[in-house]
């Protein structure tokens, strides 16, 4: 019969594979999710193994990868498997199949083709999702149903439990789409579990194997787009702040990103240099997903004009730090003295997203933006927040304290910083 491993979402056995875990499925985990522990056979997933009588129960050594649904959703969104993508792919494949069956029906006039068309027209994305939620909640299974029993089910369940071409009848080209929509219909604190115990017992893996890392490596060898996303910024301080912020605020996403190291490559930091780096990456044909994020200031928008005549490949996304309400009225210094102005798009470097706690000095006053020269290309003045070095060091100290004691995060205002990181996380949405 062989040995099997299964992935379950909130206890619902979703994807089963023989001998080895599906490599693409393992990309939703990291090695920190790996667990090796002792359990009774009766603690195995009953959807897969059924129940054990007391005399059958015994202790075994288990190996699993486990992650909370909320974190799996974040990881899948980062990889591009957003709910929008799942919906679009599902409907595209569904409509393609409808047209195919309609063409067959016109040629042969068979009743079974008519039935298939009617089913597919009824099973739209929303209808499928609503039924899948009920199926998962009630732990309904199709493996033990006879054909006659399946025929008695409602139209959508019949499609889910009888589809031969798509797992659970969900139209997708990748298992990760099915996992993403399954996660959307269960509680966010539920668990996603890949149970490798049986295939470890059978010798396909050993406990020391980093199964997640091995799977990702095998994918990268043929498909480099499965590698970490590369973040390009204007300067080294941006890299350090973004890296530390993701590591502290979204640790479950940290390994999904890597950065161009300015110190290693002696790369100069500026908006113009970032434009040149983008051009170089595009010309080199690098297949990794690349996120180039500029400051939200005049110099950045002026530099970006050089990219308007270039058709960048789909794996490169160019964006800016976001506008925020906090920066719509921020203290500035210029010929007219200290005046509160909207600095969005004019002077918003990364320091201005670090929160009021960080930007305020010992006197409680915000460190002001000082206006520099006029940039003719965009017809705007360029500004720069004062005391950048002190602001950065204060932020590093605060973020370090927060990592040591997670309950201190609520003491600081990271709203704008989270908004900045969301631009990165949603870059490929």
Protein backbone atom coordinates (compact mmCIF):
# COMPACT_ATOMS: atom_id res chain seq x y z
CA UNK A 1 0.00 0.00 0.00
CA UNK A 2 2.86 2.40 0.68
CA UNK A 3 3.18 5.18 3.22
CA UNK A 4 1.38 8.51 3.07
CA UNK A 5 1.71 12.01 4.46
CA UNK A 6 -1.19 14.41 4.75
CA UNK A 7 -1.76 18.12 5.15
CA UNK A 8 -4.72 19.16 7.30
CA UNK A 9 -6.31 22.58 7.81
CA UNK A 10 -8.07 22.84 11.17
CA UNK A 11 -8.09 19.05 11.33
CA UNK A 12 -9.58 18.62 7.84
CA UNK A 13 -7.38 16.34 5.72
CA UNK A 14 -6.90 18.41 2.59
CA UNK A 15 -3.95 17.01 0.61
CA UNK A 16 -2.47 13.51 0.77
CA UNK A 17 0.69 12.29 -0.98
CA UNK A 18 2.55 9.00 -1.13
CA UNK A 19 6.08 8.61 0.25
CA UNK A 20 7.03 12.30 0.15
CA UNK A 21 5.44 15.62 1.02
CA UNK A 22 4.39 17.78 -1.93
CA UNK A 23 7.25 20.27 -2.39
CA UNK A 24 5.04 23.26 -3.19
CA UNK A 25 2.92 22.55 -0.11
CA UNK A 26 6.01 22.62 2.10
CA UNK A 27 6.76 26.21 1.02
CA UNK A 28 4.08 27.39 3.47
CA UNK A 29 6.26 26.19 6.35
CA UNK A 30 9.69 27.01 7.74
CA UNK A 31 12.01 24.83 9.76
CA UNK A 32 10.95 26.66 12.92
CA UNK A 33 7.52 25.03 12.40
CA UNK A 34 8.97 21.52 12.72
CA UNK A 35 7.92 19.47 15.76
CA UNK A 36 9.19 16.09 16.95
CA UNK A 37 7.29 14.71 19.92
CA UNK A 38 5.73 11.67 21.53
CA UNK A 39 2.03 10.95 21.17
CA UNK A 40 -0.47 8.10 21.33
CA UNK A 41 -1.79 6.58 18.10
CA UNK A 42 -5.24 7.77 19.18
CA UNK A 43 -3.99 11.38 18.84
CA UNK A 44 -3.49 10.99 15.09
CA UNK A 45 -5.91 12.83 12.82
CA UNK A 46 -9.13 10.73 12.96
CA UNK A 47 -10.10 11.91 9.45
CA UNK A 48 -7.08 10.02 8.14
CA UNK A 49 -6.67 7.18 10.63
CA UNK A 50 -10.10 6.70 12.16
CA UNK A 51 -10.31 5.88 15.87
CA UNK A 52 -8.21 3.47 17.88
CA UNK A 53 -9.59 1.13 20.52
CA UNK A 54 -7.79 1.10 23.91
CA UNK A 55 -6.08 -2.19 23.13
CA UNK A 56 -4.80 -0.81 19.79
CA UNK A 57 -3.50 2.42 21.28
CA UNK A 58 0.23 2.77 21.74
CA UNK A 59 2.89 5.47 21.93
CA UNK A 60 4.73 6.67 18.81
CA UNK A 61 7.30 9.31 17.93
CA UNK A 62 5.68 11.90 15.66
CA UNK A 63 7.15 14.42 13.23
CA UNK A 64 5.03 17.29 11.93
CA UNK A 65 5.24 20.82 10.56
CA UNK A 66 2.64 23.09 12.19
CA UNK A 67 1.71 26.73 11.67
CA UNK A 68 -1.27 28.91 12.60
CA UNK A 69 -3.76 29.67 9.85
CA UNK A 70 -3.28 33.44 10.19
CA UNK A 71 0.45 33.07 9.54
CA UNK A 72 -0.05 30.63 6.67
CA UNK A 73 -2.42 33.15 5.03
CA UNK A 74 0.22 35.86 5.36
CA UNK A 75 2.87 33.60 3.85
CA UNK A 76 0.66 32.58 0.95
CA UNK A 77 -0.24 36.22 0.28
CA UNK A 78 3.47 37.05 0.20
CA UNK A 79 4.02 34.23 -2.32
CA UNK A 80 1.25 35.68 -4.47
CA UNK A 81 -1.50 33.23 -3.55
CA UNK A 82 -3.97 35.91 -2.50
CA UNK A 83 -7.71 35.39 -2.35
CA UNK A 84 -8.02 37.55 -5.47
CA UNK A 85 -5.62 35.30 -7.35
CA UNK A 86 -7.46 32.19 -6.13
CA UNK A 87 -10.78 33.62 -7.31
CA UNK A 88 -9.39 34.74 -10.68
CA UNK A 89 -7.69 31.38 -11.38
CA UNK A 90 -10.76 29.42 -10.32
CA UNK A 91 -13.12 31.39 -12.53
CA UNK A 92 -10.72 31.38 -15.48
CA UNK A 93 -10.37 27.59 -15.40
CA UNK A 94 -14.10 27.09 -14.72
CA UNK A 95 -15.15 29.21 -17.69
CA UNK A 96 -12.59 27.51 -19.91
CA UNK A 97 -14.04 24.12 -18.99
CA UNK A 98 -17.60 25.34 -19.56
CA UNK A 99 -16.70 26.47 -23.08
CA UNK A 100 -14.94 23.17 -23.74
CA UNK A 101 -17.92 21.07 -22.64
CA UNK A 102 -20.30 23.28 -24.60
CA UNK A 103 -18.30 22.65 -27.77
CA UNK A 104 -18.43 18.90 -27.10
CA UNK A 105 -22.16 19.10 -26.46
CA UNK A 106 -22.74 20.78 -29.81
CA UNK A 107 -20.90 17.93 -31.54
CA UNK A 108 -22.30 14.90 -29.69
CA UNK A 109 -25.54 16.10 -28.03
CA UNK A 110 -24.94 13.81 -25.03
CA UNK A 111 -26.86 14.27 -21.76
CA UNK A 112 -23.73 13.87 -19.61
CA UNK A 113 -22.15 16.91 -21.27
CA UNK A 114 -25.30 18.91 -20.60
CA UNK A 115 -25.12 17.84 -16.96
CA UNK A 116 -21.45 18.88 -16.69
CA UNK A 117 -22.18 22.32 -18.14
CA UNK A 118 -25.05 22.84 -15.70
CA UNK A 119 -22.85 21.82 -12.78
CA UNK A 120 -19.98 24.08 -13.76
CA UNK A 121 -22.29 27.04 -14.31
CA UNK A 122 -23.66 26.58 -10.77
CA UNK A 123 -20.35 26.03 -9.03
CA UNK A 124 -19.01 29.59 -9.13
CA UNK A 125 -16.29 30.67 -6.70
CA UNK A 126 -18.61 32.05 -4.02
CA UNK A 127 -20.89 29.02 -4.12
CA UNK A 128 -17.89 26.69 -3.89
CA UNK A 129 -16.39 28.63 -0.98
CA UNK A 130 -19.65 28.61 1.00
CA UNK A 131 -20.02 24.85 0.59
CA UNK A 132 -16.35 24.15 1.34
CA UNK A 133 -16.74 26.01 4.64
CA UNK A 134 -19.60 23.69 5.65
CA UNK A 135 -17.71 20.62 4.45
CA UNK A 136 -14.63 21.48 6.52
CA UNK A 137 -16.65 22.47 9.59
CA UNK A 138 -18.56 19.18 9.59
CA UNK A 139 -15.49 17.10 8.56
CA UNK A 140 -17.34 15.58 5.61
CA UNK A 141 -15.32 12.99 3.67
CA UNK A 142 -15.75 11.47 0.25
CA UNK A 143 -13.30 8.56 0.49
CA UNK A 144 -15.84 6.33 2.20
CA UNK A 145 -18.88 7.22 0.08
CA UNK A 146 -20.20 4.82 -2.52
CA UNK A 147 -21.08 6.15 -5.97
CA UNK A 148 -24.79 5.91 -5.18
CA UNK A 149 -24.30 8.00 -2.03
CA UNK A 150 -22.36 10.68 -3.91
CA UNK A 151 -25.16 10.89 -6.48
CA UNK A 152 -27.59 11.81 -3.68
CA UNK A 153 -25.54 14.84 -2.62
CA UNK A 154 -26.39 18.40 -3.62
CA UNK A 155 -24.86 19.70 -6.86
CA UNK A 156 -21.82 21.44 -5.35
CA UNK A 157 -20.92 18.64 -2.92
CA UNK A 158 -21.22 16.16 -5.75
CA UNK A 159 -18.72 18.26 -7.71
CA UNK A 160 -16.35 18.51 -4.73
CA UNK A 161 -16.41 14.81 -3.92
CA UNK A 162 -16.37 13.37 -7.44
CA UNK A 163 -13.85 15.57 -9.27
CA UNK A 164 -10.98 13.55 -10.72
CA UNK A 165 -8.93 16.36 -12.24
CA UNK A 166 -8.83 18.84 -9.33
CA UNK A 167 -8.29 18.27 -5.60
CA UNK A 168 -11.69 18.67 -3.89
CA UNK A 169 -12.99 20.04 -7.19
CA UNK A 170 -11.20 23.37 -6.71
CA UNK A 171 -10.06 24.78 -10.04
CA UNK A 172 -6.41 25.72 -9.60
CA UNK A 173 -2.98 24.97 -11.02
CA UNK A 174 -1.26 24.83 -7.61
CA UNK A 175 -2.14 23.21 -4.29
CA UNK A 176 -1.34 26.48 -2.53
CA UNK A 177 -4.51 28.05 -3.93
CA UNK A 178 -6.61 25.31 -2.32
CA UNK A 179 -4.77 25.75 0.98
CA UNK A 180 -5.34 29.52 0.85
CA UNK A 181 -9.10 29.27 0.39
CA UNK A 182 -9.39 26.48 2.99
CA UNK A 183 -7.60 28.75 5.46
CA UNK A 184 -10.06 31.53 4.68
CA UNK A 185 -13.04 29.53 5.98
CA UNK A 186 -11.60 28.37 9.32
CA UNK A 187 -10.70 30.31 12.51
CA UNK A 188 -7.49 32.33 12.20
CA UNK A 189 -6.02 30.63 15.28
CA UNK A 190 -6.58 27.13 13.86
CA UNK A 191 -3.57 25.06 12.81
CA UNK A 192 -2.27 23.87 9.45
CA UNK A 193 -0.42 20.58 9.98
CA UNK A 194 1.72 18.46 7.66
CA UNK A 195 2.05 15.09 9.38
CA UNK A 196 5.15 13.24 8.20
CA UNK A 197 5.16 10.55 10.88
CA UNK A 198 4.31 7.57 8.68
CA UNK A 199 6.75 8.43 5.88
CA UNK A 200 9.49 8.97 8.47
CA UNK A 201 8.71 5.55 9.96
CA UNK A 202 8.91 4.08 6.45
CA UNK A 203 12.36 5.59 5.90
CA UNK A 204 11.54 8.17 3.24
CA UNK A 205 12.75 10.87 5.64
CA UNK A 206 14.70 10.84 8.89
CA UNK A 207 14.06 13.10 11.84
CA UNK A 208 17.16 15.14 11.06
CA UNK A 209 15.92 16.05 7.56
CA UNK A 210 14.98 19.69 7.04
CA UNK A 211 12.05 18.72 4.84
CA UNK A 212 10.88 22.27 4.27
CA UNK A 213 14.35 23.49 3.23
CA UNK A 214 14.88 20.41 1.05
CA UNK A 215 11.56 20.99 -0.72
CA UNK A 216 12.23 24.66 -1.38
CA UNK A 217 15.72 23.87 -2.70
CA UNK A 218 14.30 21.33 -5.15
CA UNK A 219 11.82 23.89 -6.42
CA UNK A 220 14.38 26.66 -6.77
CA UNK A 221 16.63 24.46 -8.88
CA UNK A 222 13.98 24.37 -11.61
CA UNK A 223 11.88 27.41 -10.71
CA UNK A 224 13.88 30.25 -9.14
CA UNK A 225 10.67 32.23 -8.56
CA UNK A 226 10.13 30.06 -5.49
CA UNK A 227 13.20 31.68 -3.92
CA UNK A 228 13.00 34.52 -1.40
CA UNK A 229 11.73 37.86 -2.70
CA UNK A 230 14.47 40.46 -3.09
CA UNK A 231 13.81 43.91 -1.61
CA UNK A 232 15.66 46.84 -3.16
CA UNK A 233 15.74 50.19 -1.35
CA UNK A 234 17.40 53.57 -1.74
CA UNK A 235 19.91 53.05 1.03
CA UNK A 236 21.43 50.83 3.69
CA UNK A 237 19.42 52.39 6.56
CA UNK A 238 16.20 51.47 4.75
CA UNK A 239 17.40 47.87 4.49
CA UNK A 240 18.27 47.69 8.17
CA UNK A 241 15.00 49.24 9.34
CA UNK A 242 12.81 47.08 7.07
CA UNK A 243 14.71 43.93 7.98
CA UNK A 244 14.43 44.57 11.73
CA UNK A 245 10.77 45.59 11.39
CA UNK A 246 9.73 42.42 9.55
CA UNK A 247 11.74 40.30 11.96
CA UNK A 248 10.03 41.91 14.97
CA UNK A 249 6.48 42.60 13.75
CA UNK A 250 6.05 39.73 11.24
CA UNK A 251 8.64 37.09 12.19
CA UNK A 252 6.75 34.37 10.33
CA UNK A 253 7.48 36.23 7.07
CA UNK A 254 11.13 37.09 7.67
CA UNK A 255 12.60 34.19 5.68
CA UNK A 256 10.47 35.02 2.63
CA UNK A 257 12.56 38.14 1.93
CA UNK A 258 16.18 38.95 1.26
CA UNK A 259 17.93 42.26 0.65
CA UNK A 260 20.59 43.79 -1.55
CA UNK A 261 23.41 44.30 0.94
CA UNK A 262 24.90 47.75 0.39
CA UNK A 263 27.92 47.05 2.60
CA UNK A 264 28.82 43.86 0.71
CA UNK A 265 28.56 45.40 -2.75
CA UNK A 266 29.59 48.94 -1.83
CA UNK A 267 26.49 50.15 -3.57
CA UNK A 268 25.76 53.88 -3.23
CA UNK A 269 22.43 54.85 -1.71
CA UNK A 270 20.08 57.19 -3.56
CA UNK A 271 16.93 57.17 -5.64
CA UNK A 272 18.99 57.43 -8.82
CA UNK A 273 21.14 54.46 -7.80
CA UNK A 274 18.01 52.41 -7.12
CA UNK A 275 16.76 53.17 -10.64
CA UNK A 276 20.07 51.92 -12.07
CA UNK A 277 19.87 48.76 -9.94
CA UNK A 278 16.34 48.07 -11.20
CA UNK A 279 17.52 48.44 -14.79
CA UNK A 280 20.45 46.08 -14.12
CA UNK A 281 18.24 43.42 -12.55
CA UNK A 282 15.76 43.65 -15.44
CA UNK A 283 18.54 43.35 -18.03
CA UNK A 284 20.07 40.37 -16.23
CA UNK A 285 16.83 38.40 -16.51
CA UNK A 286 16.80 37.48 -12.82
CA UNK A 287 13.69 35.39 -12.19
CA UNK A 288 13.29 36.07 -8.46
CA UNK A 289 10.44 38.31 -7.51
CA UNK A 290 11.93 41.76 -6.89
CA UNK A 291 10.33 44.60 -4.95
CA UNK A 292 11.96 47.99 -5.49
CA UNK A 293 10.60 50.44 -2.95
CA UNK A 294 11.42 54.15 -3.08
CA UNK A 295 11.03 56.86 -0.47
CA UNK A 296 7.85 58.91 -0.63
CA UNK A 297 9.60 62.15 -1.54
CA UNK A 298 10.26 64.47 -4.46
CA UNK A 299 13.68 63.02 -5.27
CA UNK A 300 12.19 59.52 -5.56
CA UNK A 301 9.39 60.56 -7.91
CA UNK A 302 11.87 62.53 -10.00
CA UNK A 303 14.17 59.50 -10.27
CA UNK A 304 11.29 57.17 -11.14
CA UNK A 305 10.59 59.18 -14.31
CA UNK A 306 13.56 57.35 -15.84
CA UNK A 307 11.61 54.07 -15.58
CA UNK A 308 8.49 55.25 -17.42
CA UNK A 309 9.91 54.38 -20.83
CA UNK A 310 11.06 50.91 -19.75
CA UNK A 311 8.81 47.86 -19.83
CA UNK A 312 9.84 45.98 -16.71
CA UNK A 313 9.27 42.20 -16.47
CA UNK A 314 6.35 41.00 -14.37
CA UNK A 315 8.62 39.76 -11.59
CA UNK A 316 9.79 43.32 -10.79
CA UNK A 317 7.44 45.64 -8.93
CA UNK A 318 8.24 49.30 -8.29
CA UNK A 319 6.49 51.17 -5.48
CA UNK A 320 6.88 53.97 -2.92
CA UNK A 321 6.38 54.24 0.80
CA UNK A 322 2.69 55.04 1.36
CA UNK A 323 0.94 58.32 2.17
CA UNK A 324 -0.24 58.47 5.79
CA UNK A 325 -2.58 60.72 7.77
CA UNK A 326 0.18 61.38 10.30
CA UNK A 327 2.36 62.98 7.59
CA UNK A 328 -0.45 65.13 6.21
CA UNK A 329 0.32 67.70 8.92
CA UNK A 330 3.92 67.45 10.04
CA UNK A 331 6.28 70.16 11.35
CA UNK A 332 8.68 71.58 8.74
CA UNK A 333 11.45 74.19 8.77
CA UNK A 334 11.91 76.62 5.90
CA UNK A 335 12.18 80.32 5.05
CA UNK A 336 8.84 80.89 6.81
CA UNK A 337 10.00 79.23 10.00
CA UNK A 338 8.34 76.21 11.60
CA UNK A 339 5.10 75.31 9.78
CA UNK A 340 2.97 72.14 9.80
CA UNK A 341 2.57 70.90 6.22
CA UNK A 342 1.64 67.79 4.25
CA UNK A 343 5.00 66.11 3.57
CA UNK A 344 3.56 63.05 1.77
CA UNK A 345 5.30 62.82 -1.58
CA UNK A 346 7.78 65.54 -0.63
CA UNK A 347 9.91 64.43 2.31
CA UNK A 348 8.71 61.04 3.57
CA UNK A 349 11.84 58.97 4.08
CA UNK A 350 11.58 55.76 6.09
CA UNK A 351 12.30 57.53 9.39
CA UNK A 352 8.95 59.31 9.22
CA UNK A 353 7.15 55.94 9.41
CA UNK A 354 8.73 54.85 12.69
CA UNK A 355 6.05 56.33 14.94
CA UNK A 356 5.54 59.40 17.06
CA UNK A 357 7.41 57.80 19.98
CA UNK A 358 10.54 57.51 17.89
CA UNK A 359 10.26 60.89 16.16
CA UNK A 360 9.72 62.86 19.35
CA UNK A 361 12.72 64.31 21.18
CA UNK A 362 13.29 64.69 24.90
CA UNK A 363 11.16 67.84 24.81
CA UNK A 364 8.24 65.93 23.32
CA UNK A 365 8.50 67.82 20.02
CA UNK A 366 8.61 66.00 16.69
CA UNK A 367 11.89 66.20 14.79
CA UNK A 368 11.02 68.55 11.91
CA UNK A 369 11.51 68.20 8.17
CA UNK A 370 13.95 70.73 6.76
CA UNK A 371 13.29 71.91 3.22
CA UNK A 372 16.17 71.58 0.76
CA UNK A 373 16.34 72.47 -2.94
CA UNK A 374 13.64 72.71 -5.61
CA UNK A 375 13.43 69.77 -8.06
CA UNK A 376 12.37 71.04 -11.47
CA UNK A 377 11.55 67.60 -12.90
CA UNK A 378 8.53 67.21 -10.61
CA UNK A 379 8.04 70.88 -9.70
CA UNK A 380 8.34 70.28 -5.96
CA UNK A 381 10.69 70.97 -3.08
CA UNK A 382 12.61 68.15 -1.45
CA UNK A 383 12.64 67.83 2.33
CA UNK A 384 14.55 65.72 4.85
CA UNK A 385 13.79 64.96 8.47
CA UNK A 386 16.42 66.29 10.86
CA UNK A 387 18.47 64.12 13.25
CA UNK A 388 18.11 60.95 11.16
CA UNK A 389 20.89 59.14 12.97
CA UNK A 390 19.39 59.69 16.41
CA UNK A 391 15.94 58.63 15.14
CA UNK A 392 17.36 55.39 13.73
CA UNK A 393 19.26 54.51 16.90
CA UNK A 394 16.19 55.19 19.04
CA UNK A 395 14.13 52.92 16.80
CA UNK A 396 16.69 50.10 16.94
CA UNK A 397 16.67 50.27 20.74
CA UNK A 398 12.86 50.21 20.91
CA UNK A 399 12.46 47.36 18.44
CA UNK A 400 15.10 45.36 20.31
CA UNK A 401 13.23 45.84 23.60
CA UNK A 402 9.96 44.81 21.95
CA UNK A 403 11.50 41.57 20.66
CA UNK A 404 12.69 40.72 24.15
CA UNK A 405 9.24 41.35 25.65
CA UNK A 406 6.45 41.03 23.07
CA UNK A 407 3.90 42.61 25.41
CA UNK A 408 5.69 45.95 24.95
CA UNK A 409 4.70 46.24 21.26
CA UNK A 410 1.40 47.86 22.22
CA UNK A 411 3.25 50.65 23.97
CA UNK A 412 4.52 52.05 20.68
CA UNK A 413 2.87 53.45 17.58
CA UNK A 414 3.83 51.14 14.70
CA UNK A 415 0.71 51.85 12.61
CA UNK A 416 2.53 53.71 9.81
CA UNK A 417 5.41 51.24 9.87
CA UNK A 418 2.94 48.38 9.41
CA UNK A 419 1.34 50.30 6.52
CA UNK A 420 4.77 50.57 4.89
CA UNK A 421 5.42 46.84 5.32
CA UNK A 422 1.99 46.03 3.86
CA UNK A 423 3.06 47.78 0.65
CA UNK A 424 5.89 45.25 0.46
CA UNK A 425 3.74 42.27 1.43
CA UNK A 426 1.04 43.18 -1.12
CA UNK A 427 3.44 44.17 -3.89
CA UNK A 428 2.36 41.28 -6.13
CA UNK A 429 -1.35 41.35 -5.33
